[in-house]
Amino acid sequence: MRTAEMEMQTISAMSSYWPRRLRTPSTWRLLKLAGTTGAWNRWATAAVLNWSPRSEDNAIPVFQIHGDCDRTSPLRYVDADYVVRGGGHVLPLTLGREVAEKLRQIAA
Protein backbone atom coordinates (compact mmCIF):
# COMPACT_ATOMS: atom_id res chain seq x y z
CA MET A 1 0.00 0.00 0.00
CA ARG A 2 1.34 3.43 -0.90
CA THR A 3 2.05 6.06 1.72
CA ALA A 4 -0.70 8.49 0.63
CA GLU A 5 -3.29 5.70 0.73
CA MET A 6 -2.14 4.58 4.20
CA GLU A 7 -2.33 8.14 5.50
CA MET A 8 -5.82 8.61 4.09
CA GLN A 9 -6.98 5.34 5.60
CA THR A 10 -5.68 6.37 9.03
CA ILE A 11 -7.19 9.87 8.90
CA SER A 12 -10.53 8.61 7.61
CA ALA A 13 -10.72 6.00 10.37
CA MET A 14 -9.99 8.66 13.00
CA SER A 15 -12.73 10.93 11.63
CA SER A 16 -15.38 8.31 12.46
CA TYR A 17 -14.82 9.06 16.16
CA TRP A 18 -15.76 12.76 15.84
CA PRO A 19 -19.18 13.65 17.23
CA ARG A 20 -21.86 14.18 14.56
CA ARG A 21 -22.54 17.76 15.66
CA LEU A 22 -18.87 18.70 15.09
CA ARG A 23 -18.53 17.14 11.65
CA THR A 24 -17.78 19.46 8.76
CA PRO A 25 -17.96 18.74 5.02
CA SER A 26 -14.29 17.75 5.26
CA THR A 27 -14.90 15.18 7.99
CA TRP A 28 -17.89 13.78 6.07
CA ARG A 29 -15.59 13.40 3.06
CA LEU A 30 -13.07 11.56 5.23
CA LEU A 31 -15.80 9.28 6.54
CA LYS A 32 -16.66 8.40 2.95
CA LEU A 33 -13.08 7.18 2.57
CA ALA A 34 -13.19 5.05 5.74
CA GLY A 35 -13.65 1.30 5.85
CA THR A 36 -13.86 -1.28 3.09
CA THR A 37 -16.56 0.64 1.21
CA GLY A 38 -14.12 3.50 0.73
CA ALA A 39 -11.33 1.34 -0.71
CA TRP A 40 -11.88 2.49 -4.29
CA ASN A 41 -12.15 6.14 -3.23
CA ARG A 42 -8.92 5.81 -1.23
CA TRP A 43 -7.16 4.21 -4.19
CA ALA A 44 -8.45 6.85 -6.63
CA THR A 45 -7.51 9.77 -4.37
CA ALA A 46 -4.04 8.32 -3.73
CA ALA A 47 -3.57 7.76 -7.49
CA VAL A 48 -4.42 11.40 -8.18
CA LEU A 49 -2.13 12.61 -5.40
CA ASN A 50 0.78 10.46 -6.62
CA TRP A 51 0.26 11.09 -10.35
CA SER A 52 2.94 13.06 -12.14
CA PRO A 53 1.78 14.11 -15.63
CA ARG A 54 5.03 15.85 -16.45
CA SER A 55 7.34 12.83 -16.37
CA GLU A 56 10.09 12.46 -18.97
CA ASP A 57 8.56 9.35 -20.55
CA ASN A 58 5.24 11.11 -21.11
CA ALA A 59 5.10 11.45 -24.89
CA ILE A 60 1.81 13.37 -24.96
CA PRO A 61 1.59 16.80 -23.31
CA VAL A 62 -0.97 16.99 -20.52
CA PHE A 63 -2.73 20.20 -19.50
CA GLN A 64 -4.77 20.50 -16.34
CA ILE A 65 -7.85 22.70 -16.34
CA HIS A 66 -9.09 23.21 -12.79
CA GLY A 67 -11.85 25.18 -11.10
CA ASP A 68 -10.96 27.65 -8.37
CA CYS A 69 -13.98 26.58 -6.27
CA ASP A 70 -13.29 22.82 -6.29
CA ARG A 71 -13.73 21.67 -2.68
CA THR A 72 -12.98 18.01 -3.43
CA SER A 73 -9.56 18.76 -4.92
CA PRO A 74 -8.78 22.32 -3.79
CA LEU A 75 -6.70 24.47 -6.11
CA ARG A 76 -3.96 24.89 -3.50
CA TYR A 77 -3.13 21.16 -3.82
CA VAL A 78 -2.83 21.02 -7.60
CA ASP A 79 -0.55 22.50 -10.21
CA ALA A 80 -3.15 23.65 -12.74
CA ASP A 81 -2.16 24.98 -16.13
CA TYR A 82 -5.46 26.84 -16.53
CA VAL A 83 -7.88 27.97 -13.83
CA VAL A 84 -11.58 28.55 -14.48
CA ARG A 85 -13.18 31.06 -12.10
CA GLY A 86 -16.21 29.69 -10.27
CA GLY A 87 -15.50 26.12 -11.34
CA GLY A 88 -16.14 23.25 -8.96
CA HIS A 89 -15.34 19.54 -9.01
CA VAL A 90 -17.59 18.72 -11.98
CA LEU A 91 -16.16 21.55 -14.05
CA PRO A 92 -17.00 20.19 -17.54
CA LEU A 93 -20.63 19.66 -16.51
CA THR A 94 -21.20 23.04 -14.89
CA LEU A 95 -18.99 25.33 -16.98
CA GLY A 96 -18.67 23.42 -20.24
CA ARG A 97 -18.37 26.53 -22.40
CA GLU A 98 -15.43 27.83 -20.39
CA VAL A 99 -13.70 24.44 -20.55
CA ALA A 100 -14.32 24.24 -24.30
CA GLU A 101 -12.82 27.72 -24.74
CA LYS A 102 -9.70 26.70 -22.79
CA LEU A 103 -9.40 23.59 -24.99
CA ARG A 104 -9.67 25.76 -28.10
CA GLN A 105 -6.90 28.01 -26.75
CA ILE A 106 -4.68 25.01 -26.05
CA ALA A 107 -5.27 23.53 -29.50
CA ALA A 108 -4.55 26.83 -31.29
C-alpha atoms as a PDB file:
ATOM      1  CA  MET A   1       0.000   0.000   0.000  1.00  0.00           C
ATOM      2  CA  ARG A   2       1.339   3.427  -0.899  1.00  0.00           C
ATOM      3  CA  THR A   3       2.052   6.065   1.722  1.00  0.00           C
ATOM      4  CA  ALA A   4      -0.704   8.486   0.630  1.00  0.00           C
ATOM      5  CA  GLU A   5      -3.285   5.700   0.730  1.00  0.00           C
ATOM      6  CA  MET A   6      -2.142   4.582   4.195  1.00  0.00           C
ATOM      7  CA  GLU A   7      -2.327   8.143   5.499  1.00  0.00           C
ATOM      8  CA  MET A   8      -5.819   8.614   4.087  1.00  0.00           C
ATOM      9  CA  GLN A   9      -6.984   5.339   5.600  1.00  0.00           C
ATOM     10  CA  THR A  10      -5.683   6.369   9.033  1.00  0.00           C
ATOM     11  CA  ILE A  11      -7.186   9.866   8.895  1.00  0.00           C
ATOM     12  CA  SER A  12     -10.530   8.605   7.614  1.00  0.00           C
ATOM     13  CA  ALA A  13     -10.716   5.996  10.374  1.00  0.00           C
ATOM     14  CA  MET A  14      -9.990   8.665  13.000  1.00  0.00           C
ATOM     15  CA  SER A  15     -12.731  10.931  11.630  1.00  0.00           C
ATOM     16  CA  SER A  16     -15.383   8.311  12.460  1.00  0.00           C
ATOM     17  CA  TYR A  17     -14.822   9.057  16.165  1.00  0.00           C
ATOM     18  CA  TRP A  18     -15.755  12.758  15.836  1.00  0.00           C
ATOM     19  CA  PRO A  19     -19.182  13.645  17.234  1.00  0.00           C
ATOM     20  CA  ARG A  20     -21.861  14.181  14.558  1.00  0.00           C
ATOM     21  CA  ARG A  21     -22.535  17.764  15.657  1.00  0.00           C
ATOM     22  CA  LEU A  22     -18.871  18.700  15.091  1.00  0.00           C
ATOM     23  CA  ARG A  23     -18.528  17.143  11.653  1.00  0.00           C
ATOM     24  CA  THR A  24     -17.782  19.464   8.759  1.00  0.00           C
ATOM     25  CA  PRO A  25     -17.956  18.744   5.017  1.00  0.00           C
ATOM     26  CA  SER A  26     -14.294  17.753   5.261  1.00  0.00           C
ATOM     27  CA  THR A  27     -14.898  15.177   7.992  1.00  0.00           C
ATOM     28  CA  TRP A  28     -17.885  13.785   6.069  1.00  0.00           C
ATOM     29  CA  ARG A  29     -15.590  13.401   3.058  1.00  0.00           C
ATOM     30  CA  LEU A  30     -13.068  11.563   5.226  1.00  0.00           C
ATOM     31  CA  LEU A  31     -15.802   9.278   6.540  1.00  0.00           C
ATOM     32  CA  LYS A  32     -16.660   8.405   2.953  1.00  0.00           C
ATOM     33  CA  LEU A  33     -13.084   7.178   2.565  1.00  0.00           C
ATOM     34  CA  ALA A  34     -13.194   5.051   5.738  1.00  0.00           C
ATOM     35  CA  GLY A  35     -13.646   1.300   5.852  1.00  0.00           C
ATOM     36  CA  THR A  36     -13.857  -1.276   3.086  1.00  0.00           C
ATOM     37  CA  THR A  37     -16.559   0.642   1.215  1.00  0.00           C
ATOM     38  CA  GLY A  38     -14.124   3.499   0.731  1.00  0.00           C
ATOM     39  CA  ALA A  39     -11.329   1.343  -0.712  1.00  0.00           C
ATOM     40  CA  TRP A  40     -11.878   2.486  -4.288  1.00  0.00           C
ATOM     41  CA  ASN A  41     -12.150   6.136  -3.228  1.00  0.00           C
ATOM     42  CA  ARG A  42      -8.918   5.814  -1.233  1.00  0.00           C
ATOM     43  CA  TRP A  43      -7.162   4.213  -4.187  1.00  0.00           C
ATOM     44  CA  ALA A  44      -8.453   6.854  -6.635  1.00  0.00           C
ATOM     45  CA  THR A  45      -7.512   9.767  -4.372  1.00  0.00           C
ATOM     46  CA  ALA A  46      -4.037   8.318  -3.733  1.00  0.00           C
ATOM     47  CA  ALA A  47      -3.574   7.760  -7.489  1.00  0.00           C
ATOM     48  CA  VAL A  48      -4.420  11.396  -8.183  1.00  0.00           C
ATOM     49  CA  LEU A  49      -2.129  12.612  -5.395  1.00  0.00           C
ATOM     50  CA  ASN A  50       0.779  10.457  -6.620  1.00  0.00           C
ATOM     51  CA  TRP A  51       0.261  11.092 -10.348  1.00  0.00           C
ATOM     52  CA  SER A  52       2.940  13.057 -12.145  1.00  0.00           C
ATOM     53  CA  PRO A  53       1.779  14.108 -15.629  1.00  0.00           C
ATOM     54  CA  ARG A  54       5.033  15.846 -16.448  1.00  0.00           C
ATOM     55  CA  SER A  55       7.342  12.826 -16.366  1.00  0.00           C
ATOM     56  CA  GLU A  56      10.088  12.456 -18.969  1.00  0.00           C
ATOM     57  CA  ASP A  57       8.556   9.349 -20.548  1.00  0.00           C
ATOM     58  CA  ASN A  58       5.242  11.115 -21.107  1.00  0.00           C
ATOM     59  CA  ALA A  59       5.095  11.445 -24.894  1.00  0.00           C
ATOM     60  CA  ILE A  60       1.810  13.370 -24.958  1.00  0.00           C
ATOM     61  CA  PRO A  61       1.590  16.801 -23.309  1.00  0.00           C
ATOM     62  CA  VAL A  62      -0.970  16.992 -20.519  1.00  0.00           C
ATOM     63  CA  PHE A  63      -2.731  20.200 -19.501  1.00  0.00           C
ATOM     64  CA  GLN A  64      -4.771  20.496 -16.340  1.00  0.00           C
ATOM     65  CA  ILE A  65      -7.850  22.700 -16.343  1.00  0.00           C
ATOM     66  CA  HIS A  66      -9.088  23.212 -12.789  1.00  0.00           C
ATOM     67  CA  GLY A  67     -11.853  25.181 -11.103  1.00  0.00           C
ATOM     68  CA  ASP A  68     -10.964  27.652  -8.372  1.00  0.00           C
ATOM     69  CA  CYS A  69     -13.983  26.575  -6.268  1.00  0.00           C
ATOM     70  CA  ASP A  70     -13.289  22.820  -6.291  1.00  0.00           C
ATOM     71  CA  ARG A  71     -13.728  21.674  -2.683  1.00  0.00           C
ATOM     72  CA  THR A  72     -12.981  18.011  -3.426  1.00  0.00           C
ATOM     73  CA  SER A  73      -9.557  18.758  -4.919  1.00  0.00           C
ATOM     74  CA  PRO A  74      -8.776  22.315  -3.792  1.00  0.00           C
ATOM     75  CA  LEU A  75      -6.700  24.470  -6.107  1.00  0.00           C
ATOM     76  CA  ARG A  76      -3.960  24.891  -3.496  1.00  0.00           C
ATOM     77  CA  TYR A  77      -3.133  21.164  -3.816  1.00  0.00           C
ATOM     78  CA  VAL A  78      -2.830  21.024  -7.599  1.00  0.00           C
ATOM     79  CA  ASP A  79      -0.550  22.500 -10.209  1.00  0.00           C
ATOM     80  CA  ALA A  80      -3.153  23.645 -12.739  1.00  0.00           C
ATOM     81  CA  ASP A  81      -2.158  24.983 -16.132  1.00  0.00           C
ATOM     82  CA  TYR A  82      -5.458  26.838 -16.526  1.00  0.00           C
ATOM     83  CA  VAL A  83      -7.875  27.966 -13.828  1.00  0.00           C
ATOM     84  CA  VAL A  84     -11.584  28.551 -14.484  1.00  0.00           C
ATOM     85  CA  ARG A  85     -13.181  31.056 -12.104  1.00  0.00           C
ATOM     86  CA  GLY A  86     -16.209  29.694 -10.273  1.00  0.00           C
ATOM     87  CA  GLY A  87     -15.503  26.124 -11.339  1.00  0.00           C
ATOM     88  CA  GLY A  88     -16.141  23.249  -8.961  1.00  0.00           C
ATOM     89  CA  HIS A  89     -15.344  19.539  -9.011  1.00  0.00           C
ATOM     90  CA  VAL A  90     -17.589  18.721 -11.981  1.00  0.00           C
ATOM     91  CA  LEU A  91     -16.163  21.550 -14.045  1.00  0.00           C
ATOM     92  CA  PRO A  92     -16.998  20.187 -17.537  1.00  0.00           C
ATOM     93  CA  LEU A  93     -20.630  19.664 -16.515  1.00  0.00           C
ATOM     94  CA  THR A  94     -21.200  23.043 -14.891  1.00  0.00           C
ATOM     95  CA  LEU A  95     -18.994  25.330 -16.983  1.00  0.00           C
ATOM     96  CA  GLY A  96     -18.673  23.421 -20.238  1.00  0.00           C
ATOM     97  CA  ARG A  97     -18.370  26.529 -22.402  1.00  0.00           C
ATOM     98  CA  GLU A  98     -15.432  27.834 -20.391  1.00  0.00           C
ATOM     99  CA  VAL A  99     -13.701  24.444 -20.552  1.00  0.00           C
ATOM    100  CA  ALA A 100     -14.318  24.240 -24.300  1.00  0.00           C
ATOM    101  CA  GLU A 101     -12.824  27.722 -24.743  1.00  0.00           C
ATOM    102  CA  LYS A 102      -9.699  26.705 -22.787  1.00  0.00           C
ATOM    103  CA  LEU A 103      -9.395  23.590 -24.994  1.00  0.00           C
ATOM    104  CA  ARG A 104      -9.672  25.758 -28.102  1.00  0.00           C
ATOM    105  CA  GLN A 105      -6.896  28.008 -26.753  1.00  0.00           C
ATOM    106  CA  ILE A 106      -4.680  25.007 -26.046  1.00  0.00           C
ATOM    107  CA  ALA A 107      -5.274  23.527 -29.496  1.00  0.00           C
ATOM    108  CA  ALA A 108      -4.547  26.826 -31.291  1.00  0.00           C
END
